[in-house]
C-alpha atoms as a PDB file:
ATOM      1  CA  MET A   1      -0.011  -0.180   0.022  1.00  0.00           C
ATOM      2  CA  ALA A   2       1.317   3.550  -0.833  1.00  0.00           C
ATOM      3  CA  ASP A   3       2.426   5.593   1.933  1.00  0.00           C
ATOM      4  CA  ILE A   4       0.337   8.744   2.019  1.00  0.00           C
ATOM      5  CA  GLN A   5       2.829  10.777   3.921  1.00  0.00           C
ATOM      6  CA  GLN A   6       5.612  10.058   1.529  1.00  0.00           C
ATOM      7  CA  VAL A   7       3.462  10.623  -1.449  1.00  0.00           C
ATOM      8  CA  ALA A   8       2.504  13.943  -0.134  1.00  0.00           C
ATOM      9  CA  GLU A   9       6.121  14.843   0.510  1.00  0.00           C
ATOM     10  CA  ARG A  10       6.875  14.024  -3.407  1.00  0.00           C
ATOM     11  CA  PHE A  11       3.554  15.627  -4.559  1.00  0.00           C
ATOM     12  CA  GLY A  12       4.873  18.867  -2.723  1.00  0.00           C
ATOM     13  CA  GLU A  13       8.387  18.616  -4.192  1.00  0.00           C
ATOM     14  CA  ILE A  14       6.991  18.548  -7.621  1.00  0.00           C
ATOM     15  CA  LEU A  15       4.942  21.525  -7.165  1.00  0.00           C
ATOM     16  CA  GLY A  16       7.325  23.500  -4.807  1.00  0.00           C
ATOM     17  CA  ALA A  17       4.873  23.769  -1.934  1.00  0.00           C
ATOM     18  CA  GLU A  18       4.382  21.716   1.464  1.00  0.00           C
ATOM     19  CA  ALA A  19       1.629  19.349   1.294  1.00  0.00           C
ATOM     20  CA  GLU A  20      -0.246  18.668   4.647  1.00  0.00           C
ATOM     21  CA  VAL A  21      -1.787  15.464   5.451  1.00  0.00           C
ATOM     22  CA  ASP A  22      -5.278  15.126   7.062  1.00  0.00           C
ATOM     23  CA  GLY A  23      -6.603  11.655   7.373  1.00  0.00           C
ATOM     24  CA  ASP A  24      -6.574  10.185   3.802  1.00  0.00           C
ATOM     25  CA  MET A  25      -6.107  13.425   2.266  1.00  0.00           C
ATOM     26  CA  ALA A  26      -3.543  15.830   1.320  1.00  0.00           C
ATOM     27  CA  GLU A  27      -3.746  19.324   0.520  1.00  0.00           C
ATOM     28  CA  MET A  28      -1.504  22.193  -0.298  1.00  0.00           C
ATOM     29  CA  GLU A  29      -1.918  25.937  -1.456  1.00  0.00           C
ATOM     30  CA  ILE A  30       0.237  27.895  -3.590  1.00  0.00           C
ATOM     31  CA  GLU A  31      -0.328  31.811  -3.387  1.00  0.00           C
ATOM     32  CA  ARG A  32      -0.536  33.786  -6.362  1.00  0.00           C
ATOM     33  CA  ASP A  33       0.643  37.384  -6.286  1.00  0.00           C
ATOM     34  CA  LEU A  34      -2.421  39.102  -7.977  1.00  0.00           C
ATOM     35  CA  LYS A  35      -3.223  42.645  -7.582  1.00  0.00           C
ATOM     36  CA  VAL A  36      -6.959  42.109  -7.261  1.00  0.00           C
ATOM     37  CA  THR A  37      -9.594  44.716  -5.365  1.00  0.00           C
ATOM     38  CA  VAL A  38     -13.256  43.757  -4.493  1.00  0.00           C
ATOM     39  CA  GLN A  39     -15.290  46.723  -4.351  1.00  0.00           C
ATOM     40  CA  GLY A  40     -12.318  48.818  -4.546  1.00  0.00           C
ATOM     41  CA  ARG A  41     -10.729  47.527  -1.643  1.00  0.00           C
ATOM     42  CA  PRO A  42      -7.406  45.392  -1.585  1.00  0.00           C
ATOM     43  CA  PHE A  43      -8.175  41.688  -2.030  1.00  0.00           C
ATOM     44  CA  LYS A  44      -5.713  38.869  -0.759  1.00  0.00           C
ATOM     45  CA  SER A  45      -7.877  36.031   0.426  1.00  0.00           C
ATOM     46  CA  GLU A  46      -8.838  33.167  -2.110  1.00  0.00           C
ATOM     47  CA  LEU A  47      -5.748  34.394  -4.294  1.00  0.00           C
ATOM     48  CA  SER A  48      -4.248  30.859  -4.265  1.00  0.00           C
ATOM     49  CA  MET A  49      -4.158  27.348  -6.116  1.00  0.00           C
ATOM     50  CA  GLU A  50      -5.838  24.789  -3.850  1.00  0.00           C
ATOM     51  CA  ILE A  51      -4.420  21.405  -4.868  1.00  0.00           C
ATOM     52  CA  HIS A  52      -5.554  17.969  -3.324  1.00  0.00           C
ATOM     53  CA  PHE A  53      -5.490  14.078  -3.459  1.00  0.00           C
ATOM     54  CA  GLU A  54      -7.396  11.779  -1.679  1.00  0.00           C
ATOM     55  CA  ALA A  55      -8.655   8.158  -1.807  1.00  0.00           C
ATOM     56  CA  LEU A  56      -5.056   6.966  -2.288  1.00  0.00           C
ATOM     57  CA  GLU A  57      -5.378   3.435  -3.364  1.00  0.00           C
ATOM     58  CA  SER A  58      -2.886   0.399  -3.023  1.00  0.00           C
ATOM     59  CA  ASP A  59      -1.820   0.767  -6.610  1.00  0.00           C
ATOM     60  CA  GLY A  60      -0.828   4.315  -5.863  1.00  0.00           C
ATOM     61  CA  THR A  61      -3.737   5.921  -7.743  1.00  0.00           C
ATOM     62  CA  ALA A  62      -5.997   8.514  -6.215  1.00  0.00           C
ATOM     63  CA  LEU A  63      -8.384  11.335  -6.825  1.00  0.00           C
ATOM     64  CA  ASN A  64      -6.521  14.519  -7.477  1.00  0.00           C
ATOM     65  CA  HIS A  65      -8.069  17.897  -7.607  1.00  0.00           C
ATOM     66  CA  ALA A  66      -7.343  21.367  -7.999  1.00  0.00           C
ATOM     67  CA  GLU A  67      -8.745  25.101  -7.828  1.00  0.00           C
ATOM     68  CA  ILE A  68      -6.771  27.338  -9.745  1.00  0.00           C
ATOM     69  CA  VAL A  69      -7.269  31.088  -9.515  1.00  0.00           C
ATOM     70  CA  LEU A  70      -6.861  32.859 -12.931  1.00  0.00           C
ATOM     71  CA  LEU A  71      -6.861  36.073 -14.576  1.00  0.00           C
ATOM     72  CA  PRO A  72      -8.999  36.329 -17.505  1.00  0.00           C
ATOM     73  CA  GLU A  73      -6.152  36.684 -19.930  1.00  0.00           C
ATOM     74  CA  GLU A  74      -4.614  33.599 -18.344  1.00  0.00           C
ATOM     75  CA  ILE A  75      -7.508  31.326 -19.204  1.00  0.00           C
ATOM     76  CA  PRO A  76      -6.618  30.286 -22.961  1.00  0.00           C
ATOM     77  CA  ASP A  77      -3.039  29.737 -22.645  1.00  0.00           C
ATOM     78  CA  PHE A  78      -3.526  27.888 -19.029  1.00  0.00           C
ATOM     79  CA  THR A  79      -6.522  25.639 -20.502  1.00  0.00           C
ATOM     80  CA  ARG A  80      -4.613  24.805 -23.706  1.00  0.00           C
ATOM     81  CA  ALA A  81      -1.466  23.615 -21.296  1.00  0.00           C
ATOM     82  CA  LEU A  82      -3.986  21.654 -19.220  1.00  0.00           C
ATOM     83  CA  GLY A  83      -5.068  19.907 -22.338  1.00  0.00           C
ATOM     84  CA  LYS A  84      -1.487  19.223 -23.507  1.00  0.00           C
ATOM     85  CA  ASN A  85      -0.946  17.579 -20.196  1.00  0.00           C
ATOM     86  CA  ASP A  86      -4.209  15.453 -20.367  1.00  0.00           C
ATOM     87  CA  LEU A  87      -5.846  16.960 -17.304  1.00  0.00           C
ATOM     88  CA  THR A  88      -9.547  17.549 -17.268  1.00  0.00           C
ATOM     89  CA  ILE A  89     -11.481  20.799 -16.570  1.00  0.00           C
ATOM     90  CA  THR A  90     -14.461  19.987 -14.552  1.00  0.00           C
ATOM     91  CA  ALA A  91     -15.511  23.916 -14.055  1.00  0.00           C
ATOM     92  CA  LEU A  92     -14.654  27.480 -14.587  1.00  0.00           C
ATOM     93  CA  HIS A  93     -16.313  30.340 -12.743  1.00  0.00           C
ATOM     94  CA  ASN A  94     -16.509  33.340 -10.667  1.00  0.00           C
ATOM     95  CA  HIS A  95     -16.723  34.066  -6.936  1.00  0.00           C
ATOM     96  CA  TRP A  96     -16.681  37.640  -6.875  1.00  0.00           C
ATOM     97  CA  LEU A  97     -19.160  39.650  -8.697  1.00  0.00           C
ATOM     98  CA  TYR A  98     -17.328  43.090  -7.925  1.00  0.00           C
ATOM     99  CA  ALA A  99     -13.408  41.983  -8.556  1.00  0.00           C
ATOM    100  CA  GLU A 100     -11.346  43.956 -10.341  1.00  0.00           C
ATOM    101  CA  PRO A 101      -9.972  42.234 -12.840  1.00  0.00           C
ATOM    102  CA  SER A 102     -12.512  39.545 -12.810  1.00  0.00           C
ATOM    103  CA  ILE A 103     -10.752  36.424 -11.558  1.00  0.00           C
ATOM    104  CA  LYS A 104     -11.878  33.252 -12.508  1.00  0.00           C
ATOM    105  CA  TYR A 105     -11.409  29.696 -10.635  1.00  0.00           C
ATOM    106  CA  LEU A 106     -10.826  26.832 -12.847  1.00  0.00           C
ATOM    107  CA  HIS A 107     -11.153  23.192 -11.155  1.00  0.00           C
ATOM    108  CA  ILE A 108      -9.156  20.385 -12.506  1.00  0.00           C
ATOM    109  CA  GLN A 109      -9.124  16.890 -11.629  1.00  0.00           C
ATOM    110  CA  SER A 110      -7.917  13.132 -12.526  1.00  0.00           C
ATOM    111  CA  VAL A 111      -7.620   9.552 -11.295  1.00  0.00           C
ATOM    112  CA  GLU A 112      -3.921   8.799 -11.581  1.00  0.00           C
ATOM    113  CA  LYS A 113      -0.830   8.661  -9.440  1.00  0.00           C
ATOM    114  CA  PRO A 114      -0.593  11.877  -7.205  1.00  0.00           C
ATOM    115  CA  GLU A 115       2.972  12.194  -8.242  1.00  0.00           C
ATOM    116  CA  GLU A 116       1.838  12.272 -12.125  1.00  0.00           C
ATOM    117  CA  PHE A 117      -0.825  14.685 -11.556  1.00  0.00           C
ATOM    118  CA  ALA A 118       1.760  17.174  -9.857  1.00  0.00           C
ATOM    119  CA  GLN A 119       3.732  17.083 -12.559  1.00  0.00           C
ATOM    120  CA  LYS A 120       1.361  17.596 -15.388  1.00  0.00           C
ATOM    121  CA  LEU A 121      -0.096  20.463 -13.112  1.00  0.00           C
ATOM    122  CA  ALA A 122       3.522  21.920 -12.820  1.00  0.00           C
ATOM    123  CA  ASN A 123       3.925  21.798 -16.429  1.00  0.00           C
ATOM    124  CA  SER A 124       0.578  23.569 -16.869  1.00  0.00           C
ATOM    125  CA  ILE A 125       1.359  26.324 -14.127  1.00  0.00           C
ATOM    126  CA  LYS A 126       4.473  27.459 -15.960  1.00  0.00           C
ATOM    127  CA  VAL A 127       2.304  29.491 -18.499  1.00  0.00           C
ATOM    128  CA  LEU A 128       0.568  31.399 -15.432  1.00  0.00           C
ATOM    129  CA  LYS A 129       2.114  34.802 -14.357  1.00  0.00           C
ATOM    130  CA  LYS A 130       3.863  34.578 -11.112  1.00  0.00           C
END
């Protein structure tokens, strides 16, 4: 059986952040340095990439999923990069009606080894602004 702590450490190494294990789930956040306001006020919460895996099986596969905050102009290049890396987009939506710029949240998922998902996501993230 795959050891969730070891998998989480490798998952974090690939994505450049520390993954925390909570039961049968591992999660991490990667902050984005975006200049956003909501109703004219500086906005810093919910500007991170939230990346998870859970339900790790004995063969090393898991349910992997992420929610990535994007600027509107990043959407075309990022979705193309996800497609090239064979990752499934499950949703694209907004959270904030009065955000400037109008940030979007894109959801991705797969069932595969978390390390493979992390590498595909890391490859895709390269097209984003820091």
